[in-house]
Amino acid sequence: MSRHLADHRARSTGARVKHFLRLSRTPRETWQRARGASGASRLVQFLRIERGRTA
């Protein structure tokens, strides 16, 4: 029994992999955001909430 006509896909050209590899070779700023002072204050706020303080 063969597949339905809608189930036949054209062969992939590997474009997704090519684009991913092109992006992965770019500088690290593409993948990681710079952490500024806001990261530390965010941690302080999470810890405050975890301890049960609301003010």
PDB file of N, CA and C in Angstrom:
ATOM      1  N   MET A   1       0.845  -1.176   0.000  1.00  0.00           N
ATOM      2  CA  MET A   1       0.000   0.000   0.000  1.00  0.00           C
ATOM      3  C   MET A   1       0.891   1.240   0.000  1.00  0.00           C
ATOM      4  N   SER A   2       0.615   2.165  -0.862  1.00  0.00           N
ATOM      5  CA  SER A   2       1.447   3.363  -0.959  1.00  0.00           C
ATOM      6  C   SER A   2       0.843   4.503  -0.148  1.00  0.00           C
ATOM      7  N   ARG A   3       1.616   5.520  -0.004  1.00  0.00           N
ATOM      8  CA  ARG A   3       1.171   6.689   0.758  1.00  0.00           C
ATOM      9  C   ARG A   3       0.148   7.495  -0.040  1.00  0.00           C
ATOM     10  N   HIS A   4      -0.594   8.275   0.706  1.00  0.00           N
ATOM     11  CA  HIS A   4      -1.541   9.208   0.098  1.00  0.00           C
ATOM     12  C   HIS A   4      -0.759  10.318  -0.600  1.00  0.00           C
ATOM     13  N   LEU A   5      -1.324  10.940  -1.586  1.00  0.00           N
ATOM     14  CA  LEU A   5      -0.648  12.000  -2.327  1.00  0.00           C
ATOM     15  C   LEU A   5      -0.195  13.144  -1.419  1.00  0.00           C
ATOM     16  N   ALA A   6      -0.972  13.458  -0.398  1.00  0.00           N
ATOM     17  CA  ALA A   6      -0.620  14.559   0.502  1.00  0.00           C
ATOM     18  C   ALA A   6       0.570  14.202   1.391  1.00  0.00           C
ATOM     19  N   ASP A   7       0.882  12.912   1.538  1.00  0.00           N
ATOM     20  CA  ASP A   7       1.967  12.486   2.413  1.00  0.00           C
ATOM     21  C   ASP A   7       3.322  12.451   1.722  1.00  0.00           C
ATOM     22  N   HIS A   8       3.361  12.673   0.435  1.00  0.00           N
ATOM     23  CA  HIS A   8       4.631  12.695  -0.284  1.00  0.00           C
ATOM     24  C   HIS A   8       5.234  14.083  -0.179  1.00  0.00           C
ATOM     25  N   ARG A   9       6.407  14.161   0.430  1.00  0.00           N
ATOM     26  CA  ARG A   9       7.080  15.448   0.609  1.00  0.00           C
ATOM     27  C   ARG A   9       8.264  15.539  -0.341  1.00  0.00           C
ATOM     28  N   ALA A  10       8.528  16.749  -0.779  1.00  0.00           N
ATOM     29  CA  ALA A  10       9.707  16.972  -1.616  1.00  0.00           C
ATOM     30  C   ALA A  10      10.958  16.836  -0.747  1.00  0.00           C
ATOM     31  N   ARG A  11      12.047  16.457  -1.355  1.00  0.00           N
ATOM     32  CA  ARG A  11      13.299  16.314  -0.610  1.00  0.00           C
ATOM     33  C   ARG A  11      13.734  17.657  -0.041  1.00  0.00           C
ATOM     34  N   SER A  12      14.294  17.603   1.153  1.00  0.00           N
ATOM     35  CA  SER A  12      14.791  18.799   1.816  1.00  0.00           C
ATOM     36  C   SER A  12      16.118  19.221   1.190  1.00  0.00           C
ATOM     37  N   THR A  13      16.328  20.527   1.119  1.00  0.00           N
ATOM     38  CA  THR A  13      17.601  21.033   0.598  1.00  0.00           C
ATOM     39  C   THR A  13      18.579  21.329   1.727  1.00  0.00           C
ATOM     40  N   GLY A  14      18.142  21.137   2.970  1.00  0.00           N
ATOM     41  CA  GLY A  14      19.013  21.402   4.110  1.00  0.00           C
ATOM     42  C   GLY A  14      19.115  22.880   4.441  1.00  0.00           C
ATOM     43  N   ALA A  15      18.163  23.662   3.992  1.00  0.00           N
ATOM     44  CA  ALA A  15      18.221  25.108   4.203  1.00  0.00           C
ATOM     45  C   ALA A  15      18.178  25.472   5.685  1.00  0.00           C
ATOM     46  N   ARG A  16      17.390  24.742   6.468  1.00  0.00           N
ATOM     47  CA  ARG A  16      17.301  25.063   7.897  1.00  0.00           C
ATOM     48  C   ARG A  16      18.645  24.862   8.583  1.00  0.00           C
ATOM     49  N   VAL A  17      19.314  23.778   8.238  1.00  0.00           N
ATOM     50  CA  VAL A  17      20.624  23.509   8.830  1.00  0.00           C
ATOM     51  C   VAL A  17      21.630  24.562   8.380  1.00  0.00           C
ATOM     52  N   LYS A  18      21.578  24.939   7.116  1.00  0.00           N
ATOM     53  CA  LYS A  18      22.505  25.958   6.602  1.00  0.00           C
ATOM     54  C   LYS A  18      22.321  27.280   7.341  1.00  0.00           C
ATOM     55  N   HIS A  19      21.073  27.675   7.543  1.00  0.00           N
ATOM     56  CA  HIS A  19      20.805  28.932   8.246  1.00  0.00           C
ATOM     57  C   HIS A  19      21.240  28.845   9.701  1.00  0.00           C
ATOM     58  N   PHE A  20      20.992  27.689  10.344  1.00  0.00           N
ATOM     59  CA  PHE A  20      21.412  27.532  11.727  1.00  0.00           C
ATOM     60  C   PHE A  20      22.931  27.623  11.850  1.00  0.00           C
ATOM     61  N   LEU A  21      23.643  26.959  10.970  1.00  0.00           N
ATOM     62  CA  LEU A  21      25.099  26.997  11.028  1.00  0.00           C
ATOM     63  C   LEU A  21      25.628  28.397  10.761  1.00  0.00           C
ATOM     64  N   ARG A  22      24.979  29.118   9.857  1.00  0.00           N
ATOM     65  CA  ARG A  22      25.400  30.497   9.592  1.00  0.00           C
ATOM     66  C   ARG A  22      25.214  31.345  10.840  1.00  0.00           C
ATOM     67  N   LEU A  23      24.091  31.175  11.534  1.00  0.00           N
ATOM     68  CA  LEU A  23      23.846  31.937  12.758  1.00  0.00           C
ATOM     69  C   LEU A  23      24.803  31.512  13.875  1.00  0.00           C
ATOM     70  N   SER A  24      25.100  30.226  13.957  1.00  0.00           N
ATOM     71  CA  SER A  24      25.956  29.760  15.041  1.00  0.00           C
ATOM     72  C   SER A  24      27.386  30.250  14.891  1.00  0.00           C
ATOM     73  N   ARG A  25      27.773  30.634  13.709  1.00  0.00           N
ATOM     74  CA  ARG A  25      29.129  31.135  13.490  1.00  0.00           C
ATOM     75  C   ARG A  25      29.246  32.635  13.700  1.00  0.00           C
ATOM     76  N   THR A  26      28.138  33.296  13.999  1.00  0.00           N
ATOM     77  CA  THR A  26      28.165  34.734  14.259  1.00  0.00           C
ATOM     78  C   THR A  26      28.688  34.969  15.673  1.00  0.00           C
ATOM     79  N   PRO A  27      29.047  36.209  16.004  1.00  0.00           N
ATOM     80  CA  PRO A  27      29.540  36.499  17.362  1.00  0.00           C
ATOM     81  C   PRO A  27      28.532  36.112  18.441  1.00  0.00           C
ATOM     82  N   ARG A  28      29.001  35.943  19.648  1.00  0.00           N
ATOM     83  CA  ARG A  28      28.195  35.445  20.757  1.00  0.00           C
ATOM     84  C   ARG A  28      27.041  36.361  21.134  1.00  0.00           C
ATOM     85  N   GLU A  29      27.067  37.625  20.744  1.00  0.00           N
ATOM     86  CA  GLU A  29      25.978  38.525  21.115  1.00  0.00           C
ATOM     87  C   GLU A  29      24.649  38.044  20.564  1.00  0.00           C
ATOM     88  N   THR A  30      24.695  37.259  19.510  1.00  0.00           N
ATOM     89  CA  THR A  30      23.465  36.727  18.927  1.00  0.00           C
ATOM     90  C   THR A  30      22.789  35.771  19.893  1.00  0.00           C
ATOM     91  N   TRP A  31      23.582  35.011  20.640  1.00  0.00           N
ATOM     92  CA  TRP A  31      23.042  33.958  21.485  1.00  0.00           C
ATOM     93  C   TRP A  31      22.866  34.372  22.937  1.00  0.00           C
ATOM     94  N   GLN A  32      23.673  35.294  23.415  1.00  0.00           N
ATOM     95  CA  GLN A  32      23.602  35.653  24.828  1.00  0.00           C
ATOM     96  C   GLN A  32      23.422  37.155  24.982  1.00  0.00           C
ATOM     97  N   ARG A  33      22.485  37.518  25.824  1.00  0.00           N
ATOM     98  CA  ARG A  33      22.292  38.930  26.120  1.00  0.00           C
ATOM     99  C   ARG A  33      23.278  39.354  27.193  1.00  0.00           C
ATOM    100  N   ALA A  34      23.691  40.585  27.121  1.00  0.00           N
ATOM    101  CA  ALA A  34      24.587  41.119  28.145  1.00  0.00           C
ATOM    102  C   ALA A  34      23.812  41.264  29.450  1.00  0.00           C
ATOM    103  N   ARG A  35      24.447  40.877  30.520  1.00  0.00           N
ATOM    104  CA  ARG A  35      23.792  41.002  31.823  1.00  0.00           C
ATOM    105  C   ARG A  35      24.296  42.261  32.496  1.00  0.00           C
ATOM    106  N   GLY A  36      23.381  43.124  32.793  1.00  0.00           N
ATOM    107  CA  GLY A  36      23.739  44.363  33.459  1.00  0.00           C
ATOM    108  C   GLY A  36      23.373  44.303  34.923  1.00  0.00           C
ATOM    109  N   ALA A  37      23.189  45.460  35.504  1.00  0.00           N
ATOM    110  CA  ALA A  37      22.832  45.543  36.914  1.00  0.00           C
ATOM    111  C   ALA A  37      21.424  45.011  37.161  1.00  0.00           C
ATOM    112  N   SER A  38      20.597  44.964  36.124  1.00  0.00           N
ATOM    113  CA  SER A  38      19.219  44.509  36.300  1.00  0.00           C
ATOM    114  C   SER A  38      19.161  43.042  36.701  1.00  0.00           C
ATOM    115  N   GLY A  39      20.158  42.249  36.316  1.00  0.00           N
ATOM    116  CA  GLY A  39      20.174  40.842  36.682  1.00  0.00           C
ATOM    117  C   GLY A  39      20.283  40.646  38.180  1.00  0.00           C
ATOM    118  N   ALA A  40      21.119  41.437  38.841  1.00  0.00           N
ATOM    119  CA  ALA A  40      21.303  41.326  40.287  1.00  0.00           C
ATOM    120  C   ALA A  40      20.041  41.767  41.026  1.00  0.00           C
ATOM    121  N   SER A  41      19.426  42.849  40.573  1.00  0.00           N
ATOM    122  CA  SER A  41      18.216  43.324  41.256  1.00  0.00           C
ATOM    123  C   SER A  41      17.063  42.351  41.060  1.00  0.00           C
ATOM    124  N   ARG A  42      17.046  41.681  39.915  1.00  0.00           N
ATOM    125  CA  ARG A  42      15.999  40.697  39.675  1.00  0.00           C
ATOM    126  C   ARG A  42      16.151  39.515  40.632  1.00  0.00           C
ATOM    127  N   LEU A  43      17.393  39.082  40.852  1.00  0.00           N
ATOM    128  CA  LEU A  43      17.656  38.003  41.796  1.00  0.00           C
ATOM    129  C   LEU A  43      17.223  38.409  43.199  1.00  0.00           C
ATOM    130  N   VAL A  44      17.506  39.638  43.585  1.00  0.00           N
ATOM    131  CA  VAL A  44      17.108  40.128  44.908  1.00  0.00           C
ATOM    132  C   VAL A  44      15.595  40.087  45.049  1.00  0.00           C
ATOM    133  N   GLN A  45      14.878  40.461  44.005  1.00  0.00           N
ATOM    134  CA  GLN A  45      13.410  40.453  44.060  1.00  0.00           C
ATOM    135  C   GLN A  45      12.875  39.021  44.170  1.00  0.00           C
ATOM    136  N   PHE A  46      13.459  38.086  43.419  1.00  0.00           N
ATOM    137  CA  PHE A  46      13.018  36.695  43.524  1.00  0.00           C
ATOM    138  C   PHE A  46      13.258  36.142  44.917  1.00  0.00           C
ATOM    139  N   LEU A  47      14.404  36.462  45.497  1.00  0.00           N
ATOM    140  CA  LEU A  47      14.693  35.986  46.846  1.00  0.00           C
ATOM    141  C   LEU A  47      13.747  36.608  47.859  1.00  0.00           C
ATOM    142  N   ARG A  48      13.414  37.879  47.679  1.00  0.00           N
ATOM    143  CA  ARG A  48      12.471  38.549  48.583  1.00  0.00           C
ATOM    144  C   ARG A  48      11.109  37.854  48.539  1.00  0.00           C
ATOM    145  N   ILE A  49      10.663  37.528  47.340  1.00  0.00           N
ATOM    146  CA  ILE A  49       9.362  36.848  47.190  1.00  0.00           C
ATOM    147  C   ILE A  49       9.421  35.452  47.810  1.00  0.00           C
ATOM    148  N   GLU A  50      10.545  34.763  47.585  1.00  0.00           N
ATOM    149  CA  GLU A  50      10.701  33.406  48.135  1.00  0.00           C
ATOM    150  C   GLU A  50      10.645  33.421  49.661  1.00  0.00           C
ATOM    151  N   ARG A  51      11.186  34.454  50.279  1.00  0.00           N
ATOM    152  CA  ARG A  51      11.188  34.549  51.740  1.00  0.00           C
ATOM    153  C   ARG A  51       9.821  34.953  52.279  1.00  0.00           C
ATOM    154  N   GLY A  52       8.911  35.333  51.399  1.00  0.00           N
ATOM    155  CA  GLY A  52       7.558  35.675  51.841  1.00  0.00           C
ATOM    156  C   GLY A  52       7.340  37.135  52.101  1.00  0.00           C
ATOM    157  N   ARG A  53       8.299  37.978  51.772  1.00  0.00           N
ATOM    158  CA  ARG A  53       8.124  39.413  51.964  1.00  0.00           C
ATOM    159  C   ARG A  53       7.473  40.017  50.725  1.00  0.00           C
ATOM    160  N   THR A  54       6.526  40.890  50.961  1.00  0.00           N
ATOM    161  CA  THR A  54       5.857  41.521  49.825  1.00  0.00           C
ATOM    162  C   THR A  54       6.179  43.001  49.716  1.00  0.00           C
ATOM    163  N   ALA A  55       6.761  43.567  50.745  1.00  0.00           N
ATOM    164  CA  ALA A  55       7.074  45.001  50.691  1.00  0.00           C
ATOM    165  C   ALA A  55       8.538  45.251  50.857  1.00  0.00           C
TER     166      ALA A  55
END
